[in-house]
Every structure is written in structure tokens, then in C-alpha cells.
Amino acid sequence: MSFLPKINRQTAEQREAELQRELIRIEAKLGSDIFGPIPAGHRREFFCLNEHTWVWHEEWLEQGEAKSVTTRYDVRPNGVLKSQPGQPYQPLNEAEARNLLQATQIYRDRVRAEYQRRLQTA
């Protein structure tokens, strides 16, 4: 009998994980054009991964070769650190910090509005 509750709990955990992934996909799309128009052939995402982490990701083809860049912003008590593949963490300069703050505020407003819209139509 103890086998059945374990299956149900696992299924609930899997559903929770899938829901979290779906919410991130929705939010990433809402944030995609915050940094400006998306060039033709590019795919861009900007989203809040967790309480302390923001992600900006862009993909495109360059001369038939797939390219991508992912920038991760880690919010820490003493500032924000930026990381990109193959590079060490770097603190944001003042202009980057202002731009990120503005982007997160726009993102927050868009996400709130979208969730309110979805709740009203549910």
C-alpha cells in the first residue's frame, strides 16, 4: 500500500515542475522584446528564473551556423553580477544596472497584466 502514495507524490511533483517550466516559457516570451525589436531570424527570451536570477537568451543563424548567447544576472546583496559562457562573473556598470532595473520593471508589469488577463478569462 505504501507504493501508491509514492507514485501520486511523484506525479504531483512532475506536474509542479511542468507547470513551472510552462510559466517560465510564457514569461520569457513576454520579456522577449524588452531590449528592443527582435531581428529577423532571431529568437530572444528574457525572464526571471528564481528569486535571485534573471536570464537573457538569444539565438540566431549566422552564415548557416547556429549561434546563441545567454547572459545570466545574479542579484546579490552587494550588487548584480553578470555571467556569459566562457567569461568570469563581472559586476554590472552603472548604465547596465539602470538598464536591467528598467527591464525588470517592464517585465514585472507585463507579467502581472498577463496573469490578470488569464485569471479574468479563466
C-alpha atoms as a PDB file:
ATOM      1  CA  MET A   1       0.000   0.000   0.000  1.00  0.00           C
ATOM      2  CA  SER A   2       2.827   2.470   0.629  1.00  0.00           C
ATOM      3  CA  PHE A   3       3.737   2.165  -3.055  1.00  0.00           C
ATOM      4  CA  LEU A   4       0.657   4.104  -4.300  1.00  0.00           C
ATOM      5  CA  PRO A   5       1.198   7.318  -2.314  1.00  0.00           C
ATOM      6  CA  LYS A   6       4.786   7.460  -3.617  1.00  0.00           C
ATOM      7  CA  ILE A   7       3.524   7.304  -7.226  1.00  0.00           C
ATOM      8  CA  ASN A   8       0.937  10.029  -6.593  1.00  0.00           C
ATOM      9  CA  ARG A   9       3.509  12.269  -4.899  1.00  0.00           C
ATOM     10  CA  GLN A  10       5.924  11.817  -7.792  1.00  0.00           C
ATOM     11  CA  THR A  11       3.194  12.653 -10.275  1.00  0.00           C
ATOM     12  CA  ALA A  12       2.288  15.795  -8.332  1.00  0.00           C
ATOM     13  CA  GLU A  13       5.962  16.815  -8.279  1.00  0.00           C
ATOM     14  CA  GLN A  14       6.228  16.212 -12.006  1.00  0.00           C
ATOM     15  CA  ARG A  15       3.093  18.287 -12.628  1.00  0.00           C
ATOM     16  CA  GLU A  16       4.503  21.084 -10.474  1.00  0.00           C
ATOM     17  CA  ALA A  17       7.805  21.029 -12.386  1.00  0.00           C
ATOM     18  CA  GLU A  18       5.999  21.109 -15.741  1.00  0.00           C
ATOM     19  CA  LEU A  19       3.812  23.995 -14.584  1.00  0.00           C
ATOM     20  CA  GLN A  20       6.921  25.922 -13.506  1.00  0.00           C
ATOM     21  CA  ARG A  21       8.534  25.326 -16.914  1.00  0.00           C
ATOM     22  CA  GLU A  22       5.364  26.462 -18.706  1.00  0.00           C
ATOM     23  CA  LEU A  23       5.165  29.654 -16.632  1.00  0.00           C
ATOM     24  CA  ILE A  24       8.799  30.443 -17.434  1.00  0.00           C
ATOM     25  CA  ARG A  25       8.083  29.894 -21.165  1.00  0.00           C
ATOM     26  CA  ILE A  26       5.130  32.301 -21.001  1.00  0.00           C
ATOM     27  CA  GLU A  27       7.132  34.898 -19.087  1.00  0.00           C
ATOM     28  CA  ALA A  28      10.183  34.526 -21.359  1.00  0.00           C
ATOM     29  CA  LYS A  29       8.008  35.328 -24.364  1.00  0.00           C
ATOM     30  CA  LEU A  30       6.521  38.362 -22.605  1.00  0.00           C
ATOM     31  CA  GLY A  31      10.039  39.621 -21.929  1.00  0.00           C
ATOM     32  CA  SER A  32      11.448  38.840 -25.372  1.00  0.00           C
ATOM     33  CA  ASP A  33      11.289  42.343 -26.851  1.00  0.00           C
ATOM     34  CA  ILE A  34      12.060  44.393 -23.746  1.00  0.00           C
ATOM     35  CA  PHE A  35      15.580  45.093 -25.042  1.00  0.00           C
ATOM     36  CA  GLY A  36      14.244  46.277 -28.398  1.00  0.00           C
ATOM     37  CA  PRO A  37      12.930  44.802 -31.631  1.00  0.00           C
ATOM     38  CA  ILE A  38      13.950  41.223 -32.333  1.00  0.00           C
ATOM     39  CA  PRO A  39      15.909  40.994 -35.594  1.00  0.00           C
ATOM     40  CA  ALA A  40      14.563  38.661 -38.283  1.00  0.00           C
ATOM     41  CA  GLY A  41      15.770  35.114 -37.726  1.00  0.00           C
ATOM     42  CA  HIS A  42      16.488  35.663 -34.043  1.00  0.00           C
ATOM     43  CA  ARG A  43      14.776  34.166 -31.024  1.00  0.00           C
ATOM     44  CA  ARG A  44      15.067  36.028 -27.749  1.00  0.00           C
ATOM     45  CA  GLU A  45      13.940  35.384 -24.186  1.00  0.00           C
ATOM     46  CA  PHE A  46      14.189  37.423 -21.004  1.00  0.00           C
ATOM     47  CA  PHE A  47      12.843  36.014 -17.763  1.00  0.00           C
ATOM     48  CA  CYS A  48      13.189  35.675 -14.022  1.00  0.00           C
ATOM     49  CA  LEU A  49      14.455  32.184 -13.253  1.00  0.00           C
ATOM     50  CA  ASN A  50      14.188  32.463  -9.477  1.00  0.00           C
ATOM     51  CA  GLU A  51      14.314  34.998  -6.657  1.00  0.00           C
ATOM     52  CA  HIS A  52      17.925  35.986  -7.437  1.00  0.00           C
ATOM     53  CA  THR A  53      18.464  35.153 -11.118  1.00  0.00           C
ATOM     54  CA  TRP A  54      17.487  36.839 -14.390  1.00  0.00           C
ATOM     55  CA  VAL A  55      18.280  35.361 -17.800  1.00  0.00           C
ATOM     56  CA  TRP A  56      18.566  36.933 -21.245  1.00  0.00           C
ATOM     57  CA  HIS A  57      18.993  34.407 -24.069  1.00  0.00           C
ATOM     58  CA  GLU A  58      19.223  34.978 -27.804  1.00  0.00           C
ATOM     59  CA  GLU A  59      19.634  32.536 -30.719  1.00  0.00           C
ATOM     60  CA  TRP A  60      20.224  33.204 -34.423  1.00  0.00           C
ATOM     61  CA  LEU A  61      21.806  31.794 -37.562  1.00  0.00           C
ATOM     62  CA  GLU A  62      24.994  33.367 -38.853  1.00  0.00           C
ATOM     63  CA  GLN A  63      26.138  32.151 -42.277  1.00  0.00           C
ATOM     64  CA  GLY A  64      24.136  28.967 -41.710  1.00  0.00           C
ATOM     65  CA  GLU A  65      25.704  28.315 -38.299  1.00  0.00           C
ATOM     66  CA  ALA A  66      23.587  28.346 -35.132  1.00  0.00           C
ATOM     67  CA  LYS A  67      24.753  30.983 -32.655  1.00  0.00           C
ATOM     68  CA  SER A  68      23.497  31.839 -29.197  1.00  0.00           C
ATOM     69  CA  VAL A  69      24.371  33.912 -26.182  1.00  0.00           C
ATOM     70  CA  THR A  70      22.995  33.555 -22.679  1.00  0.00           C
ATOM     71  CA  THR A  71      23.550  36.261 -20.110  1.00  0.00           C
ATOM     72  CA  ARG A  72      22.753  35.449 -16.522  1.00  0.00           C
ATOM     73  CA  TYR A  73      22.284  38.183 -13.938  1.00  0.00           C
ATOM     74  CA  ASP A  74      22.774  37.095 -10.329  1.00  0.00           C
ATOM     75  CA  VAL A  75      21.328  39.546  -7.831  1.00  0.00           C
ATOM     76  CA  ARG A  76      23.388  39.571  -4.658  1.00  0.00           C
ATOM     77  CA  PRO A  77      23.253  41.745  -1.534  1.00  0.00           C
ATOM     78  CA  ASN A  78      26.261  43.778  -2.684  1.00  0.00           C
ATOM     79  CA  GLY A  79      25.247  44.155  -6.353  1.00  0.00           C
ATOM     80  CA  VAL A  80      24.443  42.325  -9.554  1.00  0.00           C
ATOM     81  CA  LEU A  81      26.915  40.031 -11.270  1.00  0.00           C
ATOM     82  CA  LYS A  82      26.681  39.190 -14.957  1.00  0.00           C
ATOM     83  CA  SER A  83      27.942  35.952 -16.457  1.00  0.00           C
ATOM     84  CA  GLN A  84      28.227  34.675 -20.002  1.00  0.00           C
ATOM     85  CA  PRO A  85      29.648  31.367 -21.223  1.00  0.00           C
ATOM     86  CA  GLY A  86      33.439  31.276 -21.110  1.00  0.00           C
ATOM     87  CA  GLN A  87      33.722  34.521 -19.155  1.00  0.00           C
ATOM     88  CA  PRO A  88      34.109  35.186 -15.441  1.00  0.00           C
ATOM     89  CA  TYR A  89      31.387  36.881 -13.424  1.00  0.00           C
ATOM     90  CA  GLN A  90      31.522  40.644 -13.816  1.00  0.00           C
ATOM     91  CA  PRO A  91      29.773  43.351 -11.817  1.00  0.00           C
ATOM     92  CA  LEU A  92      27.378  45.491 -13.826  1.00  0.00           C
ATOM     93  CA  ASN A  93      28.460  49.017 -14.564  1.00  0.00           C
ATOM     94  CA  GLU A  94      26.059  51.821 -13.699  1.00  0.00           C
ATOM     95  CA  ALA A  95      24.441  52.012 -17.150  1.00  0.00           C
ATOM     96  CA  GLU A  96      23.928  48.226 -17.301  1.00  0.00           C
ATOM     97  CA  ALA A  97      22.417  48.263 -13.810  1.00  0.00           C
ATOM     98  CA  ARG A  98      19.974  51.031 -14.802  1.00  0.00           C
ATOM     99  CA  ASN A  99      19.014  49.145 -17.983  1.00  0.00           C
ATOM    100  CA  LEU A 100      18.479  45.892 -16.084  1.00  0.00           C
ATOM    101  CA  LEU A 101      16.375  47.643 -13.448  1.00  0.00           C
ATOM    102  CA  GLN A 102      14.209  49.216 -16.138  1.00  0.00           C
ATOM    103  CA  ALA A 103      13.891  45.866 -17.960  1.00  0.00           C
ATOM    104  CA  THR A 104      12.846  44.053 -14.776  1.00  0.00           C
ATOM    105  CA  GLN A 105      10.208  46.703 -14.051  1.00  0.00           C
ATOM    106  CA  ILE A 106       8.756  46.413 -17.572  1.00  0.00           C
ATOM    107  CA  TYR A 107       8.855  42.621 -17.267  1.00  0.00           C
ATOM    108  CA  ARG A 108       7.065  42.720 -13.904  1.00  0.00           C
ATOM    109  CA  ASP A 109       4.316  44.942 -15.314  1.00  0.00           C
ATOM    110  CA  ARG A 110       3.821  42.743 -18.384  1.00  0.00           C
ATOM    111  CA  VAL A 111       3.739  39.524 -16.375  1.00  0.00           C
ATOM    112  CA  ARG A 112       1.243  40.961 -13.887  1.00  0.00           C
ATOM    113  CA  ALA A 113      -1.007  42.175 -16.684  1.00  0.00           C
ATOM    114  CA  GLU A 114      -0.863  38.810 -18.475  1.00  0.00           C
ATOM    115  CA  TYR A 115      -1.681  36.842 -15.338  1.00  0.00           C
ATOM    116  CA  GLN A 116      -4.566  39.198 -14.561  1.00  0.00           C
ATOM    117  CA  ARG A 117      -5.865  38.740 -18.124  1.00  0.00           C
ATOM    118  CA  ARG A 118      -5.638  34.958 -17.827  1.00  0.00           C
ATOM    119  CA  LEU A 119      -7.359  34.946 -14.436  1.00  0.00           C
ATOM    120  CA  GLN A 120     -10.237  37.042 -15.805  1.00  0.00           C
ATOM    121  CA  THR A 121     -10.777  34.709 -18.750  1.00  0.00           C
ATOM    122  CA  ALA A 122     -10.475  31.511 -16.700  1.00  0.00           C
END
